[in-house]
Amino acid sequence: SIRFAPNEWKHEEGLLIRYFGVTR
């Protein structure tokens, strides 16, 4: 998983991306 925090000047919320079956 990769978590991205919001940019205080642009975003209201962050983003979490979860990757399944990772081969690379």
PDB file of all heavy atoms in Angstrom:
ATOM      1  N   SER A   1       0.828  -1.205   0.000  1.00  0.00           N
ATOM      2  CA  SER A   1       0.000   0.000   0.000  1.00  0.00           C
ATOM      3  C   SER A   1       0.863   1.255   0.000  1.00  0.00           C
ATOM      4  O   SER A   1       1.965   1.274   0.547  1.00  0.00           O
ATOM      5  CB  SER A   1      -0.971   0.010   1.192  1.00  0.00           C
ATOM      6  OG  SER A   1      -0.276  -0.017   2.395  1.00  0.00           O
ATOM      7  N   ILE A   2       0.324   2.272  -0.649  1.00  0.00           N
ATOM      8  CA  ILE A   2       0.971   3.585  -0.689  1.00  0.00           C
ATOM      9  C   ILE A   2      -0.070   4.606  -0.251  1.00  0.00           C
ATOM     10  O   ILE A   2      -1.181   4.650  -0.780  1.00  0.00           O
ATOM     11  CB  ILE A   2       1.488   3.935  -2.097  1.00  0.00           C
ATOM     12  CG1 ILE A   2       2.487   2.879  -2.578  1.00  0.00           C
ATOM     13  CG2 ILE A   2       2.136   5.316  -2.081  1.00  0.00           C
ATOM     14  CD1 ILE A   2       3.007   3.129  -3.986  1.00  0.00           C
ATOM     15  N   ARG A   3       0.318   5.406   0.724  1.00  0.00           N
ATOM     16  CA  ARG A   3      -0.573   6.453   1.227  1.00  0.00           C
ATOM     17  C   ARG A   3      -0.014   7.810   0.801  1.00  0.00           C
ATOM     18  O   ARG A   3       1.186   8.081   0.946  1.00  0.00           O
ATOM     19  CB  ARG A   3      -0.691   6.387   2.745  1.00  0.00           C
ATOM     20  CG  ARG A   3      -1.757   7.324   3.312  1.00  0.00           C
ATOM     21  CD  ARG A   3      -1.948   7.123   4.807  1.00  0.00           C
ATOM     22  NE  ARG A   3      -0.752   7.384   5.584  1.00  0.00           N
ATOM     23  CZ  ARG A   3      -0.332   8.608   5.936  1.00  0.00           C
ATOM     24  NH1 ARG A   3      -1.020   9.674   5.579  1.00  0.00           N
ATOM     25  NH2 ARG A   3       0.761   8.754   6.653  1.00  0.00           N
ATOM     26  N   PHE A   4      -0.885   8.617   0.245  1.00  0.00           N
ATOM     27  CA  PHE A   4      -0.533   9.970  -0.167  1.00  0.00           C
ATOM     28  C   PHE A   4      -1.318  10.956   0.680  1.00  0.00           C
ATOM     29  O   PHE A   4      -2.536  10.827   0.832  1.00  0.00           O
ATOM     30  CB  PHE A   4      -0.878  10.194  -1.645  1.00  0.00           C
ATOM     31  CG  PHE A   4      -0.103   9.315  -2.581  1.00  0.00           C
ATOM     32  CD1 PHE A   4      -0.633   8.112  -3.007  1.00  0.00           C
ATOM     33  CD2 PHE A   4       1.152   9.682  -3.034  1.00  0.00           C
ATOM     34  CE1 PHE A   4       0.066   7.290  -3.874  1.00  0.00           C
ATOM     35  CE2 PHE A   4       1.868   8.871  -3.895  1.00  0.00           C
ATOM     36  CZ  PHE A   4       1.324   7.662  -4.319  1.00  0.00           C
ATOM     37  N   ALA A   5      -0.628  11.925   1.220  1.00  0.00           N
ATOM     38  CA  ALA A   5      -1.272  12.973   2.007  1.00  0.00           C
ATOM     39  C   ALA A   5      -1.774  14.068   1.066  1.00  0.00           C
ATOM     40  O   ALA A   5      -1.204  14.278  -0.008  1.00  0.00           O
ATOM     41  CB  ALA A   5      -0.280  13.554   3.016  1.00  0.00           C
ATOM     42  N   PRO A   6      -2.817  14.768   1.475  1.00  0.00           N
ATOM     43  CA  PRO A   6      -3.306  15.865   0.633  1.00  0.00           C
ATOM     44  C   PRO A   6      -2.314  17.016   0.601  1.00  0.00           C
ATOM     45  O   PRO A   6      -1.609  17.270   1.575  1.00  0.00           O
ATOM     46  CB  PRO A   6      -4.603  16.281   1.316  1.00  0.00           C
ATOM     47  CG  PRO A   6      -4.488  15.812   2.721  1.00  0.00           C
ATOM     48  CD  PRO A   6      -3.586  14.612   2.705  1.00  0.00           C
ATOM     49  N   ASN A   7      -2.259  17.695  -0.504  1.00  0.00           N
ATOM     50  CA  ASN A   7      -1.520  18.942  -0.598  1.00  0.00           C
ATOM     51  C   ASN A   7      -2.421  20.002   0.008  1.00  0.00           C
ATOM     52  O   ASN A   7      -3.565  20.168  -0.419  1.00  0.00           O
ATOM     53  CB  ASN A   7      -1.210  19.250  -2.069  1.00  0.00           C
ATOM     54  CG  ASN A   7      -0.522  20.580  -2.256  1.00  0.00           C
ATOM     55  OD1 ASN A   7      -1.010  21.616  -1.814  1.00  0.00           O
ATOM     56  ND2 ASN A   7       0.606  20.552  -2.927  1.00  0.00           N
ATOM     57  N   GLU A   8      -1.937  20.706   0.996  1.00  0.00           N
ATOM     58  CA  GLU A   8      -2.788  21.645   1.736  1.00  0.00           C
ATOM     59  C   GLU A   8      -3.392  22.746   0.862  1.00  0.00           C
ATOM     60  O   GLU A   8      -4.399  23.348   1.214  1.00  0.00           O
ATOM     61  CB  GLU A   8      -2.028  22.273   2.904  1.00  0.00           C
ATOM     62  CG  GLU A   8      -0.881  23.171   2.480  1.00  0.00           C
ATOM     63  CD  GLU A   8      -0.169  23.791   3.661  1.00  0.00           C
ATOM     64  OE1 GLU A   8      -0.840  24.388   4.528  1.00  0.00           O
ATOM     65  OE2 GLU A   8       1.066  23.665   3.719  1.00  0.00           O
ATOM     66  N   TRP A   9      -2.800  23.039  -0.282  1.00  0.00           N
ATOM     67  CA  TRP A   9      -3.283  24.101  -1.149  1.00  0.00           C
ATOM     68  C   TRP A   9      -4.273  23.593  -2.197  1.00  0.00           C
ATOM     69  O   TRP A   9      -4.856  24.384  -2.924  1.00  0.00           O
ATOM     70  CB  TRP A   9      -2.115  24.787  -1.863  1.00  0.00           C
ATOM     71  CG  TRP A   9      -1.072  25.252  -0.909  1.00  0.00           C
ATOM     72  CD1 TRP A   9       0.164  24.713  -0.728  1.00  0.00           C
ATOM     73  CD2 TRP A   9      -1.176  26.315   0.029  1.00  0.00           C
ATOM     74  NE1 TRP A   9       0.835  25.380   0.253  1.00  0.00           N
ATOM     75  CE2 TRP A   9       0.034  26.382   0.741  1.00  0.00           C
ATOM     76  CE3 TRP A   9      -2.180  27.230   0.347  1.00  0.00           C
ATOM     77  CZ2 TRP A   9       0.270  27.310   1.729  1.00  0.00           C
ATOM     78  CZ3 TRP A   9      -1.932  28.164   1.342  1.00  0.00           C
ATOM     79  CH2 TRP A   9      -0.734  28.201   2.015  1.00  0.00           C
ATOM     80  N   LYS A  10      -4.455  22.264  -2.269  1.00  0.00           N
ATOM     81  CA  LYS A  10      -5.257  21.732  -3.368  1.00  0.00           C
ATOM     82  C   LYS A  10      -6.280  20.681  -2.961  1.00  0.00           C
ATOM     83  O   LYS A  10      -7.394  20.685  -3.454  1.00  0.00           O
ATOM     84  CB  LYS A  10      -4.312  21.145  -4.417  1.00  0.00           C
ATOM     85  CG  LYS A  10      -5.006  20.529  -5.601  1.00  0.00           C
ATOM     86  CD  LYS A  10      -3.990  20.065  -6.615  1.00  0.00           C
ATOM     87  CE  LYS A  10      -4.671  19.398  -7.777  1.00  0.00           C
ATOM     88  NZ  LYS A  10      -3.719  18.926  -8.760  1.00  0.00           N
ATOM     89  N   HIS A  11      -5.895  19.756  -2.107  1.00  0.00           N
ATOM     90  CA  HIS A  11      -6.746  18.602  -1.805  1.00  0.00           C
ATOM     91  C   HIS A  11      -7.440  18.735  -0.450  1.00  0.00           C
ATOM     92  O   HIS A  11      -6.888  19.312   0.475  1.00  0.00           O
ATOM     93  CB  HIS A  11      -5.904  17.314  -1.792  1.00  0.00           C
ATOM     94  CG  HIS A  11      -5.195  17.050  -3.068  1.00  0.00           C
ATOM     95  ND1 HIS A  11      -3.858  17.344  -3.239  1.00  0.00           N
ATOM     96  CD2 HIS A  11      -5.623  16.517  -4.237  1.00  0.00           C
ATOM     97  CE1 HIS A  11      -3.494  17.004  -4.454  1.00  0.00           C
ATOM     98  NE2 HIS A  11      -4.541  16.499  -5.094  1.00  0.00           N
ATOM     99  N   GLU A  12      -8.620  18.154  -0.366  1.00  0.00           N
ATOM    100  CA  GLU A  12      -9.333  18.094   0.912  1.00  0.00           C
ATOM    101  C   GLU A  12      -9.050  16.789   1.646  1.00  0.00           C
ATOM    102  O   GLU A  12      -9.255  16.698   2.845  1.00  0.00           O
ATOM    103  CB  GLU A  12     -10.842  18.252   0.678  1.00  0.00           C
ATOM    104  CG  GLU A  12     -11.215  19.630   0.195  1.00  0.00           C
ATOM    105  CD  GLU A  12     -12.701  19.767  -0.059  1.00  0.00           C
ATOM    106  OE1 GLU A  12     -13.426  18.753  -0.104  1.00  0.00           O
ATOM    107  OE2 GLU A  12     -13.142  20.928  -0.235  1.00  0.00           O
ATOM    108  N   GLU A  13      -8.602  15.775   0.909  1.00  0.00           N
ATOM    109  CA  GLU A  13      -8.339  14.472   1.513  1.00  0.00           C
ATOM    110  C   GLU A  13      -7.193  13.787   0.791  1.00  0.00           C
ATOM    111  O   GLU A  13      -6.833  14.149  -0.321  1.00  0.00           O
ATOM    112  CB  GLU A  13      -9.596  13.602   1.488  1.00  0.00           C
ATOM    113  CG  GLU A  13     -10.226  13.477   0.130  1.00  0.00           C
ATOM    114  CD  GLU A  13     -11.630  12.895   0.175  1.00  0.00           C
ATOM    115  OE1 GLU A  13     -12.115  12.532   1.257  1.00  0.00           O
ATOM    116  OE2 GLU A  13     -12.242  12.793  -0.887  1.00  0.00           O
ATOM    117  N   GLY A  14      -6.614  12.792   1.454  1.00  0.00           N
ATOM    118  CA  GLY A  14      -5.521  12.033   0.888  1.00  0.00           C
ATOM    119  C   GLY A  14      -6.024  10.832   0.101  1.00  0.00           C
ATOM    120  O   GLY A  14      -7.231  10.640  -0.079  1.00  0.00           O
ATOM    121  N   LEU A  15      -5.091  10.008  -0.337  1.00  0.00           N
ATOM    122  CA  LEU A  15      -5.400   8.850  -1.168  1.00  0.00           C
ATOM    123  C   LEU A  15      -4.602   7.651  -0.680  1.00  0.00           C
ATOM    124  O   LEU A  15      -3.405   7.763  -0.404  1.00  0.00           O
ATOM    125  CB  LEU A  15      -5.038   9.152  -2.633  1.00  0.00           C
ATOM    126  CG  LEU A  15      -5.188   8.024  -3.632  1.00  0.00           C
ATOM    127  CD1 LEU A  15      -6.661   7.655  -3.834  1.00  0.00           C
ATOM    128  CD2 LEU A  15      -4.556   8.419  -4.967  1.00  0.00           C
ATOM    129  N   LEU A  16      -5.276   6.510  -0.574  1.00  0.00           N
ATOM    130  CA  LEU A  16      -4.632   5.246  -0.243  1.00  0.00           C
ATOM    131  C   LEU A  16      -4.802   4.313  -1.433  1.00  0.00           C
ATOM    132  O   LEU A  16      -5.938   4.095  -1.888  1.00  0.00           O
ATOM    133  CB  LEU A  16      -5.251   4.614   1.007  1.00  0.00           C
ATOM    134  CG  LEU A  16      -4.760   3.211   1.365  1.00  0.00           C
ATOM    135  CD1 LEU A  16      -3.293   3.229   1.781  1.00  0.00           C
ATOM    136  CD2 LEU A  16      -5.625   2.608   2.459  1.00  0.00           C
ATOM    137  N   ILE A  17      -3.695   3.791  -1.944  1.00  0.00           N
ATOM    138  CA  ILE A  17      -3.759   2.814  -3.032  1.00  0.00           C
ATOM    139  C   ILE A  17      -3.207   1.496  -2.492  1.00  0.00           C
ATOM    140  O   ILE A  17      -2.113   1.462  -1.933  1.00  0.00           O
ATOM    141  CB  ILE A  17      -2.946   3.252  -4.262  1.00  0.00           C
ATOM    142  CG1 ILE A  17      -3.395   4.631  -4.741  1.00  0.00           C
ATOM    143  CG2 ILE A  17      -3.095   2.216  -5.385  1.00  0.00           C
ATOM    144  CD1 ILE A  17      -2.572   5.183  -5.892  1.00  0.00           C
ATOM    145  N   ARG A  18      -4.004   0.443  -2.644  1.00  0.00           N
ATOM    146  CA  ARG A  18      -3.592  -0.897  -2.219  1.00  0.00           C
ATOM    147  C   ARG A  18      -3.434  -1.756  -3.461  1.00  0.00           C
ATOM    148  O   ARG A  18      -4.299  -1.766  -4.336  1.00  0.00           O
ATOM    149  CB  ARG A  18      -4.615  -1.504  -1.272  1.00  0.00           C
ATOM    150  CG  ARG A  18      -4.747  -0.660   0.007  1.00  0.00           C
ATOM    151  CD  ARG A  18      -5.575  -1.318   1.048  1.00  0.00           C
ATOM    152  NE  ARG A  18      -4.803  -2.450   1.566  1.00  0.00           N
ATOM    153  CZ  ARG A  18      -5.353  -3.550   2.063  1.00  0.00           C
ATOM    154  NH1 ARG A  18      -6.655  -3.681   2.118  1.00  0.00           N
ATOM    155  NH2 ARG A  18      -4.605  -4.524   2.511  1.00  0.00           N
ATOM    156  N   TYR A  19      -2.317  -2.476  -3.524  1.00  0.00           N
ATOM    157  CA  TYR A  19      -1.977  -3.307  -4.670  1.00  0.00           C
ATOM    158  C   TYR A  19      -2.024  -4.769  -4.245  1.00  0.00           C
ATOM    159  O   TYR A  19      -1.409  -5.149  -3.241  1.00  0.00           O
ATOM    160  CB  TYR A  19      -0.575  -2.971  -5.178  1.00  0.00           C
ATOM    161  CG  TYR A  19      -0.429  -1.527  -5.604  1.00  0.00           C
ATOM    162  CD1 TYR A  19      -0.063  -0.536  -4.685  1.00  0.00           C
ATOM    163  CD2 TYR A  19      -0.646  -1.150  -6.923  1.00  0.00           C
ATOM    164  CE1 TYR A  19       0.074   0.785  -5.070  1.00  0.00           C
ATOM    165  CE2 TYR A  19      -0.515   0.173  -7.313  1.00  0.00           C
ATOM    166  CZ  TYR A  19      -0.151   1.132  -6.390  1.00  0.00           C
ATOM    167  OH  TYR A  19      -0.021   2.439  -6.771  1.00  0.00           O
ATOM    168  N   PHE A  20      -2.709  -5.583  -5.033  1.00  0.00           N
ATOM    169  CA  PHE A  20      -2.892  -7.000  -4.721  1.00  0.00           C
ATOM    170  C   PHE A  20      -2.171  -7.861  -5.759  1.00  0.00           C
ATOM    171  O   PHE A  20      -2.157  -7.529  -6.943  1.00  0.00           O
ATOM    172  CB  PHE A  20      -4.382  -7.341  -4.696  1.00  0.00           C
ATOM    173  CG  PHE A  20      -5.158  -6.474  -3.745  1.00  0.00           C
ATOM    174  CD1 PHE A  20      -5.804  -5.331  -4.183  1.00  0.00           C
ATOM    175  CD2 PHE A  20      -5.204  -6.782  -2.395  1.00  0.00           C
ATOM    176  CE1 PHE A  20      -6.497  -4.513  -3.306  1.00  0.00           C
ATOM    177  CE2 PHE A  20      -5.896  -5.971  -1.499  1.00  0.00           C
ATOM    178  CZ  PHE A  20      -6.543  -4.840  -1.957  1.00  0.00           C
ATOM    179  N   GLY A  21      -1.594  -8.959  -5.292  1.00  0.00           N
ATOM    180  CA  GLY A  21      -0.881  -9.857  -6.192  1.00  0.00           C
ATOM    181  C   GLY A  21       0.322  -9.183  -6.826  1.00  0.00           C
ATOM    182  O   GLY A  21       0.558  -9.300  -8.027  1.00  0.00           O
ATOM    183  N   VAL A  22       1.107  -8.488  -6.018  1.00  0.00           N
ATOM    184  CA  VAL A  22       2.256  -7.736  -6.518  1.00  0.00           C
ATOM    185  C   VAL A  22       3.354  -8.695  -6.996  1.00  0.00           C
ATOM    186  O   VAL A  22       3.755  -9.604  -6.276  1.00  0.00           O
ATOM    187  CB  VAL A  22       2.813  -6.790  -5.431  1.00  0.00           C
ATOM    188  CG1 VAL A  22       4.089  -6.111  -5.885  1.00  0.00           C
ATOM    189  CG2 VAL A  22       1.759  -5.757  -5.044  1.00  0.00           C
ATOM    190  N   THR A  23       3.810  -8.462  -8.215  1.00  0.00           N
ATOM    191  CA  THR A  23       4.921  -9.243  -8.766  1.00  0.00           C
ATOM    192  C   THR A  23       6.168  -8.400  -8.969  1.00  0.00           C
ATOM    193  O   THR A  23       7.254  -8.929  -9.185  1.00  0.00           O
ATOM    194  CB  THR A  23       4.527  -9.889 -10.112  1.00  0.00           C
ATOM    195  OG1 THR A  23       4.095  -8.865 -11.004  1.00  0.00           O
ATOM    196  CG2 THR A  23       3.418 -10.923  -9.910  1.00  0.00           C
ATOM    197  N   ARG A  24       6.017  -7.080  -8.900  1.00  0.00           N
ATOM    198  CA  ARG A  24       7.171  -6.189  -9.033  1.00  0.00           C
ATOM    199  C   ARG A  24       6.891  -4.902  -8.285  1.00  0.00           C
ATOM    200  O   ARG A  24       5.814  -4.319  -8.398  1.00  0.00           O
ATOM    201  CB  ARG A  24       7.433  -5.882 -10.506  1.00  0.00           C
ATOM    202  CG  ARG A  24       8.594  -4.934 -10.717  1.00  0.00           C
ATOM    203  CD  ARG A  24       8.831  -4.671 -12.185  1.00  0.00           C
ATOM    204  NE  ARG A  24       9.920  -3.723 -12.367  1.00  0.00           N
ATOM    205  CZ  ARG A  24      10.182  -3.131 -13.496  1.00  0.00           C
ATOM    206  NH1 ARG A  24       9.467  -3.385 -14.563  1.00  0.00           N
ATOM    207  NH2 ARG A  24      11.176  -2.283 -13.575  1.00  0.00           N
TER     208      ARG A  24
END
